[in-house]
Amino acid sequence: MNELDRQKDLREIGIYSASEVARYLHTSVRSVRAAVFGDRSKTQNPSKAIEPLIRLPEPGIRLLSFTNLIEIYLLKAIRRDRSISFTSLRQGLASLRQTLNLAHPLACQKLYAEDFDPDNIQFNTSAHTL
């Protein structure tokens, strides 16, 4: 094993298929695929295709990492408990990625604090922040 292999974060290696993640999280394969690969079935115009919410560890390889599994788990919980639309989530995640320079904002420990109150989450879609 070379030095580069030892430094790779094992949580970031794509090892799960969309169907495996769906089975582990008790959700539909379609939901997992929409979150990770986007959804082009909603429109005839390719420029209006729904972009993915989650970034794959290696673009072009359709395998999800453990970090992706955690992100999908949290997306499922947010959508179920908060009734937040995919559009609003997409905007909030894009803002977090940009402002905090985070590749995986839902799975980032920086976003969690001792005083975190899940019943007091403020979600401002006009400002694109969570």
C-alpha atoms as a PDB file:
ATOM      1  CA  MET A   1       0.000   0.000   0.000  1.00  0.00           C
ATOM      2  CA  ASN A   2       1.486   3.351  -0.997  1.00  0.00           C
ATOM      3  CA  GLU A   3       1.334   6.593   1.010  1.00  0.00           C
ATOM      4  CA  LEU A   4      -1.555   8.039  -1.048  1.00  0.00           C
ATOM      5  CA  ASP A   5      -3.725   4.986  -0.337  1.00  0.00           C
ATOM      6  CA  ARG A   6      -3.084   5.279   3.411  1.00  0.00           C
ATOM      7  CA  GLN A   7      -4.153   8.929   3.407  1.00  0.00           C
ATOM      8  CA  LYS A   8      -7.491   8.342   1.622  1.00  0.00           C
ATOM      9  CA  ASP A   9     -10.462   8.716   3.959  1.00  0.00           C
ATOM     10  CA  LEU A  10     -12.242   5.358   3.893  1.00  0.00           C
ATOM     11  CA  ARG A  11     -15.606   7.088   4.392  1.00  0.00           C
ATOM     12  CA  GLU A  12     -15.159   8.730   0.987  1.00  0.00           C
ATOM     13  CA  ILE A  13     -14.674   5.582  -1.093  1.00  0.00           C
ATOM     14  CA  GLY A  14     -17.612   4.657  -3.324  1.00  0.00           C
ATOM     15  CA  ILE A  15     -18.682   1.114  -2.429  1.00  0.00           C
ATOM     16  CA  TYR A  16     -22.512   1.172  -2.329  1.00  0.00           C
ATOM     17  CA  SER A  17     -24.957   1.039  -5.212  1.00  0.00           C
ATOM     18  CA  ALA A  18     -28.097   3.200  -5.105  1.00  0.00           C
ATOM     19  CA  SER A  19     -30.212   0.102  -4.510  1.00  0.00           C
ATOM     20  CA  GLU A  20     -28.055  -0.959  -1.537  1.00  0.00           C
ATOM     21  CA  VAL A  21     -28.368   2.476   0.069  1.00  0.00           C
ATOM     22  CA  ALA A  22     -32.127   2.441  -0.507  1.00  0.00           C
ATOM     23  CA  ARG A  23     -32.387  -0.961   1.147  1.00  0.00           C
ATOM     24  CA  TYR A  24     -30.235   0.047   4.159  1.00  0.00           C
ATOM     25  CA  LEU A  25     -32.221   3.264   4.704  1.00  0.00           C
ATOM     26  CA  HIS A  26     -35.678   1.816   3.965  1.00  0.00           C
ATOM     27  CA  THR A  27     -36.380   4.285   1.190  1.00  0.00           C
ATOM     28  CA  SER A  28     -37.034   4.072  -2.534  1.00  0.00           C
ATOM     29  CA  VAL A  29     -34.270   3.590  -5.075  1.00  0.00           C
ATOM     30  CA  ARG A  30     -35.827   6.433  -7.076  1.00  0.00           C
ATOM     31  CA  SER A  31     -35.359   8.846  -4.132  1.00  0.00           C
ATOM     32  CA  VAL A  32     -31.726   7.832  -3.718  1.00  0.00           C
ATOM     33  CA  ARG A  33     -31.046   8.173  -7.436  1.00  0.00           C
ATOM     34  CA  ALA A  34     -32.745  11.581  -7.591  1.00  0.00           C
ATOM     35  CA  ALA A  35     -30.670  12.852  -4.655  1.00  0.00           C
ATOM     36  CA  VAL A  36     -27.377  11.544  -6.026  1.00  0.00           C
ATOM     37  CA  PHE A  37     -27.736  11.512  -9.811  1.00  0.00           C
ATOM     38  CA  GLY A  38     -30.412  14.164 -10.321  1.00  0.00           C
ATOM     39  CA  ASP A  39     -33.624  13.674 -12.250  1.00  0.00           C
ATOM     40  CA  ARG A  40     -34.024  14.360 -15.937  1.00  0.00           C
ATOM     41  CA  SER A  41     -37.422  12.674 -16.213  1.00  0.00           C
ATOM     42  CA  LYS A  42     -39.305  15.736 -14.949  1.00  0.00           C
ATOM     43  CA  THR A  43     -38.559  17.799 -18.029  1.00  0.00           C
ATOM     44  CA  GLN A  44     -38.055  17.516 -21.767  1.00  0.00           C
ATOM     45  CA  ASN A  45     -35.553  20.381 -21.685  1.00  0.00           C
ATOM     46  CA  PRO A  46     -32.078  19.154 -20.549  1.00  0.00           C
ATOM     47  CA  SER A  47     -31.232  22.639 -19.253  1.00  0.00           C
ATOM     48  CA  LYS A  48     -34.075  22.317 -16.736  1.00  0.00           C
ATOM     49  CA  ALA A  49     -33.006  18.915 -15.408  1.00  0.00           C
ATOM     50  CA  ILE A  50     -33.005  18.577 -11.642  1.00  0.00           C
ATOM     51  CA  GLU A  51     -29.432  18.635 -10.382  1.00  0.00           C
ATOM     52  CA  PRO A  52     -28.208  16.217  -7.690  1.00  0.00           C
ATOM     53  CA  LEU A  53     -28.241  17.216  -4.013  1.00  0.00           C
ATOM     54  CA  ILE A  54     -25.281  15.036  -3.088  1.00  0.00           C
ATOM     55  CA  ARG A  55     -21.862  14.767  -4.683  1.00  0.00           C
ATOM     56  CA  LEU A  56     -20.411  11.375  -5.529  1.00  0.00           C
ATOM     57  CA  PRO A  57     -16.868  10.582  -4.372  1.00  0.00           C
ATOM     58  CA  GLU A  58     -15.745  10.008  -7.966  1.00  0.00           C
ATOM     59  CA  PRO A  59     -17.726  11.738 -10.731  1.00  0.00           C
ATOM     60  CA  GLY A  60     -18.711   9.317 -13.449  1.00  0.00           C
ATOM     61  CA  ILE A  61     -18.627   6.290 -11.146  1.00  0.00           C
ATOM     62  CA  ARG A  62     -22.117   5.540  -9.860  1.00  0.00           C
ATOM     63  CA  LEU A  63     -21.071   4.246  -6.436  1.00  0.00           C
ATOM     64  CA  LEU A  64     -21.886   5.975  -3.162  1.00  0.00           C
ATOM     65  CA  SER A  65     -19.640   6.352  -0.154  1.00  0.00           C
ATOM     66  CA  PHE A  66     -20.435   5.933   3.532  1.00  0.00           C
ATOM     67  CA  THR A  67     -20.546   9.752   3.744  1.00  0.00           C
ATOM     68  CA  ASN A  68     -23.156   9.757   0.957  1.00  0.00           C
ATOM     69  CA  LEU A  69     -25.181   7.185   2.900  1.00  0.00           C
ATOM     70  CA  ILE A  70     -25.162   9.507   5.944  1.00  0.00           C
ATOM     71  CA  GLU A  71     -26.181  12.476   3.775  1.00  0.00           C
ATOM     72  CA  ILE A  72     -29.114  10.568   2.282  1.00  0.00           C
ATOM     73  CA  TYR A  73     -30.189   9.443   5.757  1.00  0.00           C
ATOM     74  CA  LEU A  74     -30.233  13.086   6.912  1.00  0.00           C
ATOM     75  CA  LEU A  75     -32.010  14.266   3.752  1.00  0.00           C
ATOM     76  CA  LYS A  76     -34.698  11.660   4.349  1.00  0.00           C
ATOM     77  CA  ALA A  77     -35.118  12.813   7.968  1.00  0.00           C
ATOM     78  CA  ILE A  78     -35.229  16.498   7.003  1.00  0.00           C
ATOM     79  CA  ARG A  79     -37.787  15.888   4.275  1.00  0.00           C
ATOM     80  CA  ARG A  80     -39.934  13.725   6.564  1.00  0.00           C
ATOM     81  CA  ASP A  81     -39.757  15.848   9.722  1.00  0.00           C
ATOM     82  CA  ARG A  82     -39.590  19.356   8.239  1.00  0.00           C
ATOM     83  CA  SER A  83     -41.427  19.012   4.919  1.00  0.00           C
ATOM     84  CA  ILE A  84     -38.727  20.994   3.130  1.00  0.00           C
ATOM     85  CA  SER A  85     -38.762  20.878  -0.667  1.00  0.00           C
ATOM     86  CA  PHE A  86     -35.859  19.543  -2.727  1.00  0.00           C
ATOM     87  CA  THR A  87     -35.516  22.999  -4.286  1.00  0.00           C
ATOM     88  CA  SER A  88     -35.051  24.640  -0.886  1.00  0.00           C
ATOM     89  CA  LEU A  89     -32.640  21.920   0.216  1.00  0.00           C
ATOM     90  CA  ARG A  90     -30.637  22.312  -2.985  1.00  0.00           C
ATOM     91  CA  GLN A  91     -30.349  26.074  -2.431  1.00  0.00           C
ATOM     92  CA  GLY A  92     -29.387  25.671   1.229  1.00  0.00           C
ATOM     93  CA  LEU A  93     -26.783  23.014   0.518  1.00  0.00           C
ATOM     94  CA  ALA A  94     -25.256  25.078  -2.296  1.00  0.00           C
ATOM     95  CA  SER A  95     -24.969  28.026   0.072  1.00  0.00           C
ATOM     96  CA  LEU A  96     -23.336  25.912   2.789  1.00  0.00           C
ATOM     97  CA  ARG A  97     -20.886  24.407   0.309  1.00  0.00           C
ATOM     98  CA  GLN A  98     -19.900  27.852  -0.901  1.00  0.00           C
ATOM     99  CA  THR A  99     -19.866  29.908   2.298  1.00  0.00           C
ATOM    100  CA  LEU A 100     -18.354  27.270   4.588  1.00  0.00           C
ATOM    101  CA  ASN A 101     -16.294  25.543   1.884  1.00  0.00           C
ATOM    102  CA  LEU A 102     -17.740  22.132   2.733  1.00  0.00           C
ATOM    103  CA  ALA A 103     -17.958  19.271   0.256  1.00  0.00           C
ATOM    104  CA  HIS A 104     -20.499  17.379   2.374  1.00  0.00           C
ATOM    105  CA  PRO A 105     -22.343  19.885   4.564  1.00  0.00           C
ATOM    106  CA  LEU A 106     -24.931  17.408   5.865  1.00  0.00           C
ATOM    107  CA  ALA A 107     -22.231  15.055   7.114  1.00  0.00           C
ATOM    108  CA  CYS A 108     -19.889  17.718   8.461  1.00  0.00           C
ATOM    109  CA  GLN A 109     -19.234  17.861  12.182  1.00  0.00           C
ATOM    110  CA  LYS A 110     -18.661  21.651  11.943  1.00  0.00           C
ATOM    111  CA  LEU A 111     -22.427  22.169  11.680  1.00  0.00           C
ATOM    112  CA  TYR A 112     -23.234  20.507  14.994  1.00  0.00           C
ATOM    113  CA  ALA A 113     -22.815  22.198  18.370  1.00  0.00           C
ATOM    114  CA  GLU A 114     -23.641  21.473  21.999  1.00  0.00           C
ATOM    115  CA  ASP A 115     -26.473  24.012  21.920  1.00  0.00           C
ATOM    116  CA  PHE A 116     -28.050  22.591  18.765  1.00  0.00           C
ATOM    117  CA  ASP A 117     -31.840  22.619  19.013  1.00  0.00           C
ATOM    118  CA  PRO A 118     -33.477  20.655  16.173  1.00  0.00           C
ATOM    119  CA  ASP A 119     -36.834  22.286  16.934  1.00  0.00           C
ATOM    120  CA  ASN A 120     -35.388  25.737  16.324  1.00  0.00           C
ATOM    121  CA  ILE A 121     -33.883  25.329  12.843  1.00  0.00           C
ATOM    122  CA  GLN A 122     -34.258  28.452  10.756  1.00  0.00           C
ATOM    123  CA  PHE A 123     -34.453  27.856   7.030  1.00  0.00           C
ATOM    124  CA  ASN A 124     -34.462  30.977   4.894  1.00  0.00           C
ATOM    125  CA  THR A 125     -34.920  30.109   1.232  1.00  0.00           C
ATOM    126  CA  SER A 126     -34.575  33.699   0.070  1.00  0.00           C
ATOM    127  CA  ALA A 127     -31.076  33.871   1.534  1.00  0.00           C
ATOM    128  CA  HIS A 128     -30.301  30.264   0.525  1.00  0.00           C
ATOM    129  CA  THR A 129     -29.164  29.236   3.987  1.00  0.00           C
ATOM    130  CA  LEU A 130     -30.022  26.530   6.442  1.00  0.00           C
END
